[in-house]
Each structure stands twice: as structure tokens, then as C-alpha cells.
C-alpha atoms as a PDB file:
ATOM      1  CA  MET A   1      93.023  79.224 116.696  1.00  0.00           C
ATOM      2  CA  LYS A   2      95.691  78.866 114.472  1.00  0.00           C
ATOM      3  CA  ARG A   3      93.628  77.476 111.098  1.00  0.00           C
ATOM      4  CA  ALA A   4      91.459  80.124 111.504  1.00  0.00           C
ATOM      5  CA  LEU A   5      93.907  82.817 111.125  1.00  0.00           C
ATOM      6  CA  ALA A   6      95.504  80.852 108.432  1.00  0.00           C
ATOM      7  CA  LEU A   7      92.337  80.783 106.606  1.00  0.00           C
ATOM      8  CA  ALA A   8      91.656  84.451 107.279  1.00  0.00           C
ATOM      9  CA  VAL A   9      95.102  84.958 105.526  1.00  0.00           C
ATOM     10  CA  VAL A  10      94.809  83.264 103.105  1.00  0.00           C
ATOM     11  CA  LEU A  11      91.172  84.554 101.972  1.00  0.00           C
ATOM     12  CA  LEU A  12      92.617  88.104 102.201  1.00  0.00           C
ATOM     13  CA  VAL A  13      96.416  87.963 100.476  1.00  0.00           C
ATOM     14  CA  VAL A  14      95.083  85.546  97.560  1.00  0.00           C
ATOM     15  CA  PRO A  15      92.792  88.056  95.792  1.00  0.00           C
ATOM     16  CA  LEU A  16      95.194  91.078  96.451  1.00  0.00           C
ATOM     17  CA  VAL A  17      97.817  88.886  94.881  1.00  0.00           C
ATOM     18  CA  ILE A  18      95.518  87.842  91.819  1.00  0.00           C
ATOM     19  CA  TRP A  19      94.353  91.754  91.451  1.00  0.00           C
ATOM     20  CA  ALA A  20      98.298  92.735  91.731  1.00  0.00           C
ATOM     21  CA  ALA A  21      99.179  90.278  88.979  1.00  0.00           C
ATOM     22  CA  ASP A  22      96.038  91.857  86.606  1.00  0.00           C
ATOM     23  CA  GLN A  23      97.130  95.500  86.537  1.00  0.00           C
ATOM     24  CA  LYS A  24      98.478  96.799  83.727  1.00  0.00           C
ATOM     25  CA  SER A  25     100.743  99.827  82.985  1.00  0.00           C
ATOM     26  CA  ILE A  26     101.038 101.673  79.752  1.00  0.00           C
ATOM     27  CA  THR A  27     104.312 104.063  78.952  1.00  0.00           C
ATOM     28  CA  LEU A  28     103.838 106.492  76.755  1.00  0.00           C
ATOM     29  CA  PRO A  29     106.436 107.140  73.756  1.00  0.00           C
ATOM     30  CA  PRO A  30     107.806 111.295  74.826  1.00  0.00           C
ATOM     31  CA  ASP A  31     106.773 113.835  72.877  1.00  0.00           C
ATOM     32  CA  ASN A  32     107.570 114.254  69.459  1.00  0.00           C
ATOM     33  CA  GLU A  33     110.636 116.562  69.356  1.00  0.00           C
ATOM     34  CA  MET A  34     109.441 118.902  66.681  1.00  0.00           C
ATOM     35  CA  ALA A  35     106.700 120.134  69.283  1.00  0.00           C
ATOM     36  CA  ALA A  36     108.743 120.569  72.430  1.00  0.00           C
ATOM     37  CA  LEU A  37     107.977 123.554  74.122  1.00  0.00           C
ATOM     38  CA  LYS A  38     110.664 126.646  73.312  1.00  0.00           C
ATOM     39  CA  PRO A  39     112.660 127.621  76.477  1.00  0.00           C
ATOM     40  CA  GLY A  40     111.844 130.401  78.149  1.00  0.00           C
ATOM     41  CA  PRO A  41     110.658 132.213  81.178  1.00  0.00           C
ATOM     42  CA  GLY A  42     107.565 130.337  82.253  1.00  0.00           C
ATOM     43  CA  MET A  43     107.694 127.372  80.363  1.00  0.00           C
ATOM     44  CA  GLU A  44     107.893 125.164  83.175  1.00  0.00           C
ATOM     45  CA  VAL A  45     104.588 127.093  84.267  1.00  0.00           C
ATOM     46  CA  ALA A  46     102.832 126.472  80.956  1.00  0.00           C
ATOM     47  CA  ARG A  47     104.154 122.251  81.146  1.00  0.00           C
ATOM     48  CA  ALA A  48     102.706 121.787  84.158  1.00  0.00           C
ATOM     49  CA  ASN A  49      99.438 123.102  83.414  1.00  0.00           C
ATOM     50  CA  CYS A  50      98.817 123.073  79.878  1.00  0.00           C
ATOM     51  CA  MET A  51     100.017 119.144  79.672  1.00  0.00           C
ATOM     52  CA  ILE A  52      97.262 117.944  82.390  1.00  0.00           C
ATOM     53  CA  CYS A  53      94.769 118.126  79.795  1.00  0.00           C
ATOM     54  CA  HIS A  54      96.620 118.295  75.784  1.00  0.00           C
ATOM     55  CA  SER A  55     100.564 117.020  74.351  1.00  0.00           C
ATOM     56  CA  THR A  56     102.749 120.165  73.909  1.00  0.00           C
ATOM     57  CA  ASP A  57     101.971 119.547  70.209  1.00  0.00           C
ATOM     58  CA  TYR A  58      98.726 121.130  70.498  1.00  0.00           C
ATOM     59  CA  VAL A  59     101.027 124.356  72.264  1.00  0.00           C
ATOM     60  CA  VAL A  60     103.387 124.978  69.194  1.00  0.00           C
ATOM     61  CA  ARG A  61     101.001 123.892  66.334  1.00  0.00           C
ATOM     62  CA  GLN A  62      98.550 127.425  67.650  1.00  0.00           C
ATOM     63  CA  PRO A  63      99.123 130.058  65.186  1.00  0.00           C
ATOM     64  CA  HIS A  64     101.515 132.207  66.922  1.00  0.00           C
ATOM     65  CA  GLY A  65     100.208 135.281  68.255  1.00  0.00           C
ATOM     66  CA  ASP A  66     100.538 138.244  70.469  1.00  0.00           C
ATOM     67  CA  ALA A  67      99.224 138.535  73.914  1.00  0.00           C
ATOM     68  CA  LYS A  68      96.090 139.739  73.419  1.00  0.00           C
ATOM     69  CA  GLN A  69      95.741 136.012  71.249  1.00  0.00           C
ATOM     70  CA  TRP A  70      97.374 134.098  73.614  1.00  0.00           C
ATOM     71  CA  GLN A  71      94.815 135.505  76.522  1.00  0.00           C
ATOM     72  CA  ALA A  72      91.680 134.792  74.104  1.00  0.00           C
ATOM     73  CA  LEU A  73      92.618 131.160  74.461  1.00  0.00           C
ATOM     74  CA  VAL A  74      93.798 131.019  77.980  1.00  0.00           C
ATOM     75  CA  THR A  75      90.969 132.481  78.824  1.00  0.00           C
ATOM     76  CA  LYS A  76      88.698 129.585  76.920  1.00  0.00           C
ATOM     77  CA  MET A  77      90.847 126.639  78.092  1.00  0.00           C
ATOM     78  CA  ILE A  78      89.953 128.321  81.734  1.00  0.00           C
ATOM     79  CA  LYS A  79      85.852 129.450  81.474  1.00  0.00           C
ATOM     80  CA  VAL A  80      85.457 126.823  78.468  1.00  0.00           C
ATOM     81  CA  PHE A  81      87.031 124.058  79.295  1.00  0.00           C
ATOM     82  CA  GLY A  82      87.166 123.865  82.931  1.00  0.00           C
ATOM     83  CA  ALA A  83      91.195 124.182  82.788  1.00  0.00           C
ATOM     84  CA  PRO A  84      92.644 124.536  86.649  1.00  0.00           C
ATOM     85  CA  ILE A  85      94.819 127.266  86.072  1.00  0.00           C
ATOM     86  CA  ALA A  86      95.621 129.486  89.068  1.00  0.00           C
ATOM     87  CA  PRO A  87      95.443 133.126  88.072  1.00  0.00           C
ATOM     88  CA  GLU A  88      99.373 133.949  88.808  1.00  0.00           C
ATOM     89  CA  ASN A  89      99.652 130.895  86.688  1.00  0.00           C
ATOM     90  CA  GLU A  90      97.402 132.056  83.888  1.00  0.00           C
ATOM     91  CA  LYS A  91      99.849 135.669  83.680  1.00  0.00           C
ATOM     92  CA  THR A  92     102.690 133.468  83.647  1.00  0.00           C
ATOM     93  CA  ILE A  93     101.703 131.504  80.897  1.00  0.00           C
ATOM     94  CA  VAL A  94     100.412 133.782  79.246  1.00  0.00           C
ATOM     95  CA  GLU A  95     103.318 135.993  79.113  1.00  0.00           C
ATOM     96  CA  TYR A  96     105.245 132.855  78.170  1.00  0.00           C
ATOM     97  CA  LEU A  97     103.247 131.633  75.099  1.00  0.00           C
ATOM     98  CA  SER A  98     103.408 135.324  73.718  1.00  0.00           C
ATOM     99  CA  SER A  99     106.851 135.400  73.968  1.00  0.00           C
ATOM    100  CA  ALA A 100     107.851 131.961  72.477  1.00  0.00           C
ATOM    101  CA  TYR A 101     105.234 131.928  69.935  1.00  0.00           C
ATOM    102  CA  ALA A 102     105.015 135.649  69.264  1.00  0.00           C
ATOM    103  CA  PRO A 103     103.974 136.361  65.559  1.00  0.00           C
ATOM    104  CA  ALA A 104     107.233 135.914  62.564  1.00  0.00           C
ATOM    105  CA  LYS A 105     108.769 139.686  62.213  1.00  0.00           C
END
């Protein structure tokens, strides 16, 4: 009985150890400082919702626009690309982007 139990443990543990040893991890470099989101109200909500699909570079390199332009872009991300953004976060994101990335005056 002890021998059968020992064999069962070996048969279960050895593949697990081999599998664990084969796992790889990748450490991505931090975002380029030039592409850091500008601080402001709503930045963390934008980061949490937008960066699940793309980098900050994609946001900061967009043409700066007013609230109407940012709303159209955020709506496209939701309706066309399926971005999982809650309605209450959509408003916060648009307000942040239209404030932080408004057209130059």
C-alpha cells in the first residue's frame, strides 16, 4: 500500500515539477516617459480602462481635441472595438482626455 501511494505521488508530482520549470515569464519595459499620461482628475480611470487594450503612446499621440472629439473616439473604442468601459467611466475618461489633451490655445 505504501509503495502504491509513493508511486502515485511521484506520478502526480513529477509532471507538475516539469511543467513549473518550463514556465516562462516576460518582463515588459516601462512606458516611455514621453508617453506618460498627464496628471489630472480621471487619469487613473483612463489608465485602468484604456491601457488594458493599448499603451499610453496610443493616447498621448492622438491629435488633441475637444470633448466632442474625445467622446467620438471613446465611443468608437466601445462600440467598434468592444472596449469594456462602464458608462460612468466613459464620462470620466472623456472629461480627463478633453482636459489633459485639449487643442492648443
